Amino acid sequence: MSSTAGPQPQARTTASRPGGEDGPARLCAREPHVPAERLVAELVPPPRFGGARFSTYHPDPAQPSQREAVERLSSFAGGLGDGGDGPSGLRGLFRRRAKAAAPAGPRGMYLDGGYGVGKTHLLASLWHAAPAAPGRKAFGTFVELTHLVGALGFQQTVRTLSDHQLLCIDEFELDDPGDTVLVSSLLGKLVEAGVALAATSNTLPGKLGEGRFAAADFLREIQGLAAHFQPLRIDGEDYRHRGLPQAPEPGDDAEVTRAAHATPGASLDDFPALLDHLSRVHPSRYGALCEGVDAVCLRGVTPVPDQSTALRLVVLADRLYDREIPVLASGVPFDRLFSEEMLRGGYRKKYFRAISRLTALAREAKHLPEG
């Protein structure tokens, strides 16, 4: 399998391409179906981080841990081997030796830190720096990885990823016990096959699941996951807000509607209807939901009503940010999407990340035509 070989299978949707003769498309009218082979082919850094390199990461001089992270990850990439293209060559010899003698110590790097310190940039830089060919290294979010298992089955996922040099997992979180057991088993198999691991999260590996479910009941699996990684702490403030003006105030419904009609490739949806639609689309398909969209326009943004809805919105915010799609909205500002109770709970770091990313996308929407 190679992510660069031949035309890639496309997601199918029931909506016309945004910006057509009938005006803006509606995300609510889209029902993407993503074939399993596309899930594998798209295990590469998203567009926002397609050009990410260690040289383009700018450490904050006031945060020594950021420069240290670049140095340690560069060294980690350099130690990954020659990146041969198949099990029959040197790569295969390395994998057979890895199976014969289990590696001493963790074979993974775990980037822990607050939102906006550049963890995804560094993870993507590691992927690009790894010497393997694109088809022998994978990059995906945690939810994309778990959905890959659902689409291919556990054993086929193990076979598909076992000949890889490196697996990068962004936004590593354990939200339920099933994911804990699934990912623990999968990563254990991949480490046995000689696959190196790297992950980002806002939670130390030994603390995954805290505040979300009875983590103590799954302590063995959580400790097993932690054993695969060397934690790498990255401190700092959110770079998306460093020295930037405050996020623009939301417009009114009429302004958003006019901008959607004046912007080629824009979509236009009422926020409550979009939240309802997200409940019927698997989060792993939210990227396909936004395919071909150049701007998202939302009318009537309100605080989200419950935790399940909020977590789906977090995933959508991540996919919009990955794809550099600006968001223009009316209603409440994005920093009022989540209740105080949510911002104090076990998912608070996810919600702060979503606020940060949506605010950045709202700034980018300032350049849309006003109609």
Protein backbone atom coordinates (compact mmCIF):
# COMPACT_ATOMS: atom_id res chain seq x y z
CA MET A 1 0.00 0.00 0.00
CA SER A 2 1.26 3.45 -0.88
CA SER A 3 -0.52 6.71 -0.26
CA THR A 4 1.00 8.14 -3.45
CA ALA A 5 0.10 5.38 -5.91
CA GLY A 6 -2.66 6.12 -8.40
CA PRO A 7 -5.92 8.02 -8.01
CA GLN A 8 -7.40 7.87 -4.56
CA PRO A 9 -11.00 6.74 -3.94
CA GLN A 10 -13.28 9.66 -3.27
CA ALA A 11 -15.94 10.12 -0.64
CA ARG A 12 -19.48 10.20 -2.02
CA THR A 13 -21.95 12.82 -0.83
CA THR A 14 -25.52 13.62 -1.71
CA ALA A 15 -24.86 17.38 -1.98
CA SER A 16 -23.62 19.33 -4.97
CA ARG A 17 -20.24 21.01 -4.77
CA PRO A 18 -20.39 24.26 -2.78
CA GLY A 19 -20.68 27.45 -4.73
CA GLY A 20 -22.64 25.96 -7.61
CA GLU A 21 -25.39 27.59 -9.59
CA ASP A 22 -27.88 26.99 -6.79
CA GLY A 23 -25.81 28.97 -4.28
CA PRO A 24 -24.02 27.72 -1.18
CA ALA A 25 -24.27 24.05 -0.36
CA ARG A 26 -25.46 22.82 3.02
CA LEU A 27 -23.28 20.55 5.14
CA CYS A 28 -26.55 19.24 6.54
CA ALA A 29 -27.40 17.80 3.12
CA ARG A 30 -24.17 15.83 2.90
CA GLU A 31 -23.97 12.15 3.82
CA PRO A 32 -20.37 11.13 3.10
CA HIS A 33 -19.47 7.48 2.62
CA VAL A 34 -15.73 6.85 2.90
CA PRO A 35 -14.41 3.54 1.51
CA ALA A 36 -11.95 1.67 3.73
CA GLU A 37 -9.12 1.99 1.20
CA ARG A 38 -9.42 5.76 1.38
CA LEU A 39 -9.09 5.67 5.17
CA VAL A 40 -5.72 3.99 4.71
CA ALA A 41 -4.59 6.20 1.82
CA GLU A 42 -5.33 9.38 3.79
CA LEU A 43 -3.14 8.50 6.77
CA VAL A 44 -0.91 11.50 6.05
CA PRO A 45 -0.66 14.96 7.66
CA PRO A 46 -3.66 17.19 6.80
CA PRO A 47 -3.30 20.20 4.48
CA ARG A 48 -2.53 22.71 7.25
CA PHE A 49 0.50 20.65 8.23
CA GLY A 50 1.53 19.39 4.80
CA GLY A 51 4.49 21.76 4.83
CA ALA A 52 5.34 21.40 8.51
CA ARG A 53 9.04 20.81 9.19
CA PHE A 54 11.23 21.12 12.26
CA SER A 55 12.83 24.12 10.56
CA THR A 56 9.46 25.90 10.30
CA TYR A 57 8.61 25.43 13.99
CA HIS A 58 9.54 28.60 15.87
CA PRO A 59 10.20 27.83 19.55
CA ASP A 60 9.23 30.47 22.07
CA PRO A 61 12.55 31.73 23.55
CA ALA A 62 10.84 31.89 26.94
CA GLN A 63 9.99 28.16 26.79
CA PRO A 64 13.14 25.97 26.67
CA SER A 65 11.02 22.82 26.45
CA GLN A 66 9.96 23.77 22.92
CA ARG A 67 13.51 23.83 21.57
CA GLU A 68 14.28 20.64 23.48
CA ALA A 69 11.27 18.99 21.82
CA VAL A 70 12.62 19.84 18.36
CA GLU A 71 16.03 18.41 19.25
CA ARG A 72 14.69 15.19 20.77
CA LEU A 73 12.21 14.54 17.96
CA SER A 74 14.86 15.23 15.30
CA SER A 75 17.10 12.69 17.01
CA PHE A 76 14.20 10.23 17.23
CA ALA A 77 13.54 10.59 13.49
CA GLY A 78 17.21 10.06 12.72
CA GLY A 79 17.20 6.78 14.64
CA LEU A 80 14.28 5.24 12.78
CA GLY A 81 16.38 3.37 10.24
CA ASP A 82 16.73 3.31 6.49
CA GLY A 83 12.99 3.14 5.69
CA GLY A 84 13.23 0.29 3.16
CA ASP A 85 10.08 -0.33 1.17
CA GLY A 86 9.25 -3.91 2.05
CA PRO A 87 9.66 -6.82 4.40
CA SER A 88 12.11 -8.56 2.06
CA GLY A 89 14.93 -6.00 2.44
CA LEU A 90 16.71 -4.33 5.32
CA ARG A 91 13.40 -3.14 6.71
CA GLY A 92 12.18 -6.74 6.85
CA LEU A 93 15.40 -7.79 8.56
CA PHE A 94 14.91 -5.03 11.14
CA ARG A 95 11.34 -6.15 11.79
CA ARG A 96 12.33 -9.81 12.20
CA ARG A 97 15.00 -8.83 14.68
CA ALA A 98 12.54 -6.59 16.52
CA LYS A 99 10.18 -9.54 16.94
CA ALA A 100 13.00 -11.84 18.05
CA ALA A 101 14.14 -9.46 20.78
CA ALA A 102 11.65 -7.02 22.30
CA PRO A 103 12.99 -3.45 22.40
CA ALA A 104 14.49 -2.28 25.65
CA GLY A 105 12.39 0.65 26.81
CA PRO A 106 9.65 2.61 25.02
CA ARG A 107 9.57 2.78 21.22
CA GLY A 108 7.46 5.90 21.17
CA MET A 109 7.42 9.62 21.87
CA TYR A 110 4.46 11.21 23.63
CA LEU A 111 4.08 14.97 23.22
CA ASP A 112 2.21 16.33 26.22
CA GLY A 113 1.26 19.97 26.60
CA GLY A 114 -1.48 22.56 26.51
CA TYR A 115 -3.40 23.52 23.40
CA GLY A 116 -1.69 25.81 20.91
CA VAL A 117 1.95 24.99 21.73
CA GLY A 118 2.55 23.40 18.32
CA LYS A 119 2.30 19.68 19.15
CA THR A 120 0.58 18.78 15.87
CA HIS A 121 3.17 20.79 13.92
CA LEU A 122 5.95 18.83 15.63
CA LEU A 123 4.20 15.50 15.08
CA ALA A 124 3.75 16.26 11.38
CA SER A 125 7.40 17.37 11.20
CA LEU A 126 8.43 14.02 12.64
CA TRP A 127 6.35 12.23 10.00
CA HIS A 128 8.04 14.23 7.24
CA ALA A 129 11.51 13.68 8.73
CA ALA A 130 11.11 9.90 9.07
CA PRO A 131 13.16 8.26 6.30
CA ALA A 132 10.46 5.80 5.20
CA ALA A 133 8.46 6.28 2.01
CA PRO A 134 4.96 7.80 2.54
CA GLY A 135 3.29 4.40 2.24
CA ARG A 136 5.42 3.09 5.12
CA LYS A 137 4.53 5.74 7.68
CA ALA A 138 1.10 6.81 8.87
CA PHE A 139 -0.38 9.95 10.43
CA GLY A 140 -3.92 10.15 11.77
CA THR A 141 -6.05 11.34 14.63
CA PHE A 142 -7.08 9.00 17.42
CA VAL A 143 -10.67 8.86 16.15
CA GLU A 144 -9.45 8.05 12.63
CA LEU A 145 -7.35 5.20 14.00
CA THR A 146 -10.22 3.66 15.92
CA HIS A 147 -12.50 3.99 12.89
CA LEU A 148 -9.88 2.31 10.72
CA VAL A 149 -10.11 -0.71 13.03
CA GLY A 150 -13.90 -0.62 12.69
CA ALA A 151 -13.68 -0.50 8.89
CA LEU A 152 -10.92 -3.07 8.34
CA GLY A 153 -11.23 -5.24 11.43
CA PHE A 154 -8.58 -5.61 14.11
CA GLN A 155 -6.40 -8.25 12.44
CA GLN A 156 -6.39 -6.53 9.04
CA THR A 157 -5.47 -3.20 10.68
CA VAL A 158 -2.55 -4.90 12.43
CA ARG A 159 -1.41 -6.41 9.11
CA THR A 160 -1.83 -3.10 7.27
CA LEU A 161 0.21 -1.08 9.77
CA SER A 162 2.77 -3.69 10.85
CA ASP A 163 5.09 -3.06 7.89
CA HIS A 164 5.20 0.66 8.72
CA GLN A 165 8.23 2.39 10.14
CA LEU A 166 6.24 4.96 12.10
CA LEU A 167 2.68 5.57 13.31
CA CYS A 168 1.82 9.13 14.42
CA ILE A 169 -1.39 9.58 16.42
CA ASP A 170 -2.72 13.11 16.91
CA GLU A 171 -5.17 14.11 19.66
CA PHE A 172 -4.68 10.90 21.65
CA GLU A 173 -7.57 10.59 24.09
CA LEU A 174 -9.41 7.72 25.76
CA ASP A 175 -13.07 8.60 26.12
CA ASP A 176 -14.46 5.16 26.87
CA PRO A 177 -13.30 1.76 28.13
CA GLY A 178 -13.76 0.08 24.74
CA ASP A 179 -11.23 2.42 23.14
CA THR A 180 -8.82 1.76 25.99
CA VAL A 181 -8.75 -1.99 25.44
CA LEU A 182 -8.79 -1.66 21.63
CA VAL A 183 -5.90 0.80 21.36
CA SER A 184 -3.84 -0.95 24.03
CA SER A 185 -4.08 -4.22 22.09
CA LEU A 186 -3.39 -2.58 18.71
CA LEU A 187 -0.34 -0.61 19.80
CA GLY A 188 1.05 -3.64 21.60
CA LYS A 189 0.88 -5.66 18.37
CA LEU A 190 2.48 -2.86 16.35
CA VAL A 191 5.34 -2.40 18.80
CA GLU A 192 5.99 -6.16 18.63
CA ALA A 193 6.22 -5.76 14.83
CA GLY A 194 8.86 -3.05 15.18
CA VAL A 195 6.68 -0.01 14.46
CA ALA A 196 7.78 3.19 16.17
CA LEU A 197 5.05 5.33 17.74
CA ALA A 198 4.51 9.04 18.32
CA ALA A 199 1.45 10.76 19.76
CA THR A 200 0.17 14.12 20.93
CA SER A 201 -2.25 14.76 23.76
CA ASN A 202 -3.16 17.21 26.48
CA THR A 203 -2.97 14.41 29.06
CA LEU A 204 0.01 12.36 30.25
CA PRO A 205 -0.23 8.71 29.11
CA GLY A 206 -0.64 7.40 32.66
CA LYS A 207 -3.54 9.81 33.22
CA LEU A 208 -5.58 8.97 30.12
CA GLY A 209 -9.26 8.45 30.85
CA GLU A 210 -9.26 10.42 34.10
CA GLY A 211 -12.47 12.34 34.59
CA ARG A 212 -14.18 10.49 31.73
CA PHE A 213 -14.83 6.94 32.91
CA ALA A 214 -13.78 4.58 35.70
CA ALA A 215 -10.13 4.63 34.64
CA ALA A 216 -9.07 2.68 37.71
CA ASP A 217 -10.94 -0.36 36.34
CA PHE A 218 -8.75 -0.28 33.24
CA LEU A 219 -5.48 0.58 34.95
CA ARG A 220 -3.61 -2.36 33.39
CA GLU A 221 -4.47 -1.24 29.85
CA ILE A 222 -3.64 2.40 30.59
CA GLN A 223 -0.32 1.45 32.15
CA GLY A 224 0.37 -0.77 29.15
CA LEU A 225 -0.19 2.18 26.83
CA ALA A 226 2.06 4.41 28.94
CA ALA A 227 4.87 1.83 28.77
CA HIS A 228 5.13 2.32 24.98
CA PHE A 229 6.01 6.02 25.24
CA GLN A 230 8.63 8.44 26.50
CA PRO A 231 6.73 11.54 27.66
CA LEU A 232 7.98 14.82 26.20
CA ARG A 233 6.50 17.85 27.94
CA ILE A 234 6.03 21.02 25.84
CA ASP A 235 5.20 24.18 27.75
CA GLY A 236 4.01 27.51 26.44
CA GLU A 237 1.06 29.71 25.60
CA ASP A 238 -1.35 29.26 22.72
CA TYR A 239 0.53 30.49 19.66
CA ARG A 240 -2.76 31.16 17.84
CA HIS A 241 -3.38 34.06 20.21
CA ARG A 242 0.19 35.19 20.78
CA GLY A 243 0.34 38.85 19.78
CA LEU A 244 -2.86 38.66 17.71
CA PRO A 245 -5.93 40.85 17.99
CA GLN A 246 -9.02 39.59 19.77
CA ALA A 247 -11.33 37.37 17.76
CA PRO A 248 -13.85 39.30 15.66
CA GLU A 249 -17.37 39.64 17.03
CA PRO A 250 -19.98 37.49 15.27
CA GLY A 251 -22.01 39.15 12.56
CA ASP A 252 -25.75 38.92 12.13
CA ASP A 253 -27.65 36.33 10.09
CA ALA A 254 -28.03 38.61 7.08
CA GLU A 255 -24.30 39.34 6.91
CA VAL A 256 -23.43 35.65 7.10
CA THR A 257 -25.96 34.80 4.40
CA ARG A 258 -24.67 37.49 2.05
CA ALA A 259 -21.05 36.39 2.57
CA ALA A 260 -21.96 32.75 1.86
CA HIS A 261 -23.59 33.69 -1.45
CA ALA A 262 -20.66 35.93 -2.40
CA THR A 263 -17.94 33.37 -1.56
CA PRO A 264 -17.17 30.66 -4.13
CA GLY A 265 -17.06 27.26 -2.45
CA ALA A 266 -18.87 28.37 0.72
CA SER A 267 -21.41 26.35 2.65
CA LEU A 268 -24.31 27.83 4.63
CA ASP A 269 -26.09 26.11 7.52
CA ASP A 270 -28.14 26.95 10.58
CA PHE A 271 -26.08 25.95 13.60
CA PRO A 272 -28.75 23.91 15.46
CA ALA A 273 -29.50 21.93 12.30
CA LEU A 274 -25.80 21.23 11.78
CA LEU A 275 -25.41 19.94 15.34
CA ASP A 276 -28.34 17.61 14.75
CA HIS A 277 -26.82 16.40 11.47
CA LEU A 278 -23.48 15.66 13.13
CA SER A 279 -25.24 13.18 15.42
CA ARG A 280 -26.04 11.07 12.34
CA VAL A 281 -22.56 11.15 10.75
CA HIS A 282 -19.65 9.20 12.26
CA PRO A 283 -16.93 11.62 13.45
CA SER A 284 -14.35 9.86 11.28
CA ARG A 285 -16.31 11.17 8.25
CA TYR A 286 -16.30 14.83 9.28
CA GLY A 287 -13.28 15.46 7.04
CA ALA A 288 -15.17 14.08 4.05
CA LEU A 289 -18.19 16.17 5.11
CA CYS A 290 -16.08 19.28 4.46
CA GLU A 291 -14.56 18.09 1.18
CA GLY A 292 -14.54 20.80 -1.48
CA VAL A 293 -15.69 23.48 0.98
CA ASP A 294 -13.65 26.69 1.01
CA ALA A 295 -15.53 28.50 3.80
CA VAL A 296 -18.14 27.47 6.38
CA CYS A 297 -20.90 29.97 7.17
CA LEU A 298 -23.10 29.34 10.22
CA ARG A 299 -26.22 31.19 11.31
CA GLY A 300 -27.46 31.31 14.87
CA VAL A 301 -24.58 29.82 16.88
CA THR A 302 -25.75 28.96 20.40
CA PRO A 303 -24.13 27.21 23.38
CA VAL A 304 -24.09 23.46 22.82
CA PRO A 305 -26.77 21.67 24.85
CA ASP A 306 -24.95 18.58 26.11
CA GLN A 307 -21.60 16.78 26.33
CA SER A 308 -22.15 14.38 23.42
CA THR A 309 -22.99 17.25 21.09
CA ALA A 310 -20.01 19.22 22.38
CA LEU A 311 -17.57 16.37 21.68
CA ARG A 312 -18.86 16.02 18.12
CA LEU A 313 -18.37 19.74 17.60
CA VAL A 314 -14.79 19.43 18.86
CA VAL A 315 -14.05 16.87 16.13
CA LEU A 316 -15.60 19.09 13.46
CA ALA A 317 -13.55 22.06 14.67
CA ASP A 318 -10.39 19.96 14.40
CA ARG A 319 -11.18 18.87 10.83
CA LEU A 320 -12.00 22.44 9.74
CA TYR A 321 -8.75 23.65 11.28
CA ASP A 322 -6.72 20.86 9.67
CA ARG A 323 -8.13 21.82 6.28
CA GLU A 324 -7.70 25.59 6.79
CA ILE A 325 -11.39 26.30 6.22
CA PRO A 326 -12.42 29.71 7.63
CA VAL A 327 -15.62 29.91 9.67
CA LEU A 328 -17.97 32.90 9.58
CA ALA A 329 -20.79 32.82 12.11
CA SER A 330 -23.61 34.77 13.69
CA GLY A 331 -24.89 34.26 17.22
CA VAL A 332 -22.80 33.83 20.36
CA PRO A 333 -18.98 34.13 20.22
CA PHE A 334 -17.07 30.87 20.09
CA ASP A 335 -15.73 31.32 23.62
CA ARG A 336 -19.31 30.88 24.86
CA LEU A 337 -19.99 27.58 23.10
CA PHE A 338 -19.33 25.43 26.16
CA SER A 339 -20.80 25.81 29.63
CA GLU A 340 -18.72 26.54 32.72
CA GLU A 341 -19.44 23.01 33.91
CA MET A 342 -18.02 21.58 30.66
CA LEU A 343 -14.94 23.78 30.93
CA ARG A 344 -14.27 22.41 34.40
CA GLY A 345 -14.89 18.75 33.52
CA GLY A 346 -12.80 15.88 32.20
CA TYR A 347 -12.99 17.06 28.58
CA ARG A 348 -12.05 20.67 29.33
CA LYS A 349 -8.79 20.53 27.37
CA LYS A 350 -10.64 19.40 24.26
CA TYR A 351 -13.09 22.27 24.62
CA PHE A 352 -10.35 24.86 25.07
CA ARG A 353 -8.60 23.50 21.98
CA ALA A 354 -11.84 23.80 19.98
CA ILE A 355 -12.37 27.39 21.15
CA SER A 356 -8.79 28.25 20.22
CA ARG A 357 -9.03 26.71 16.76
CA LEU A 358 -12.48 28.12 15.93
CA THR A 359 -11.30 31.55 17.02
CA ALA A 360 -8.35 31.27 14.63
CA LEU A 361 -10.70 30.25 11.81
CA ALA A 362 -13.01 33.16 12.63
CA ARG A 363 -10.06 35.52 12.17
CA GLU A 364 -9.34 33.96 8.79
CA ALA A 365 -13.00 34.52 7.81
CA LYS A 366 -12.53 38.29 8.10
CA HIS A 367 -11.18 38.19 4.53
CA LEU A 368 -14.37 36.74 3.03
CA PRO A 369 -16.35 39.06 0.74
CA GLU A 370 -19.23 40.84 2.45
CA GLY A 371 -21.70 40.37 -0.39
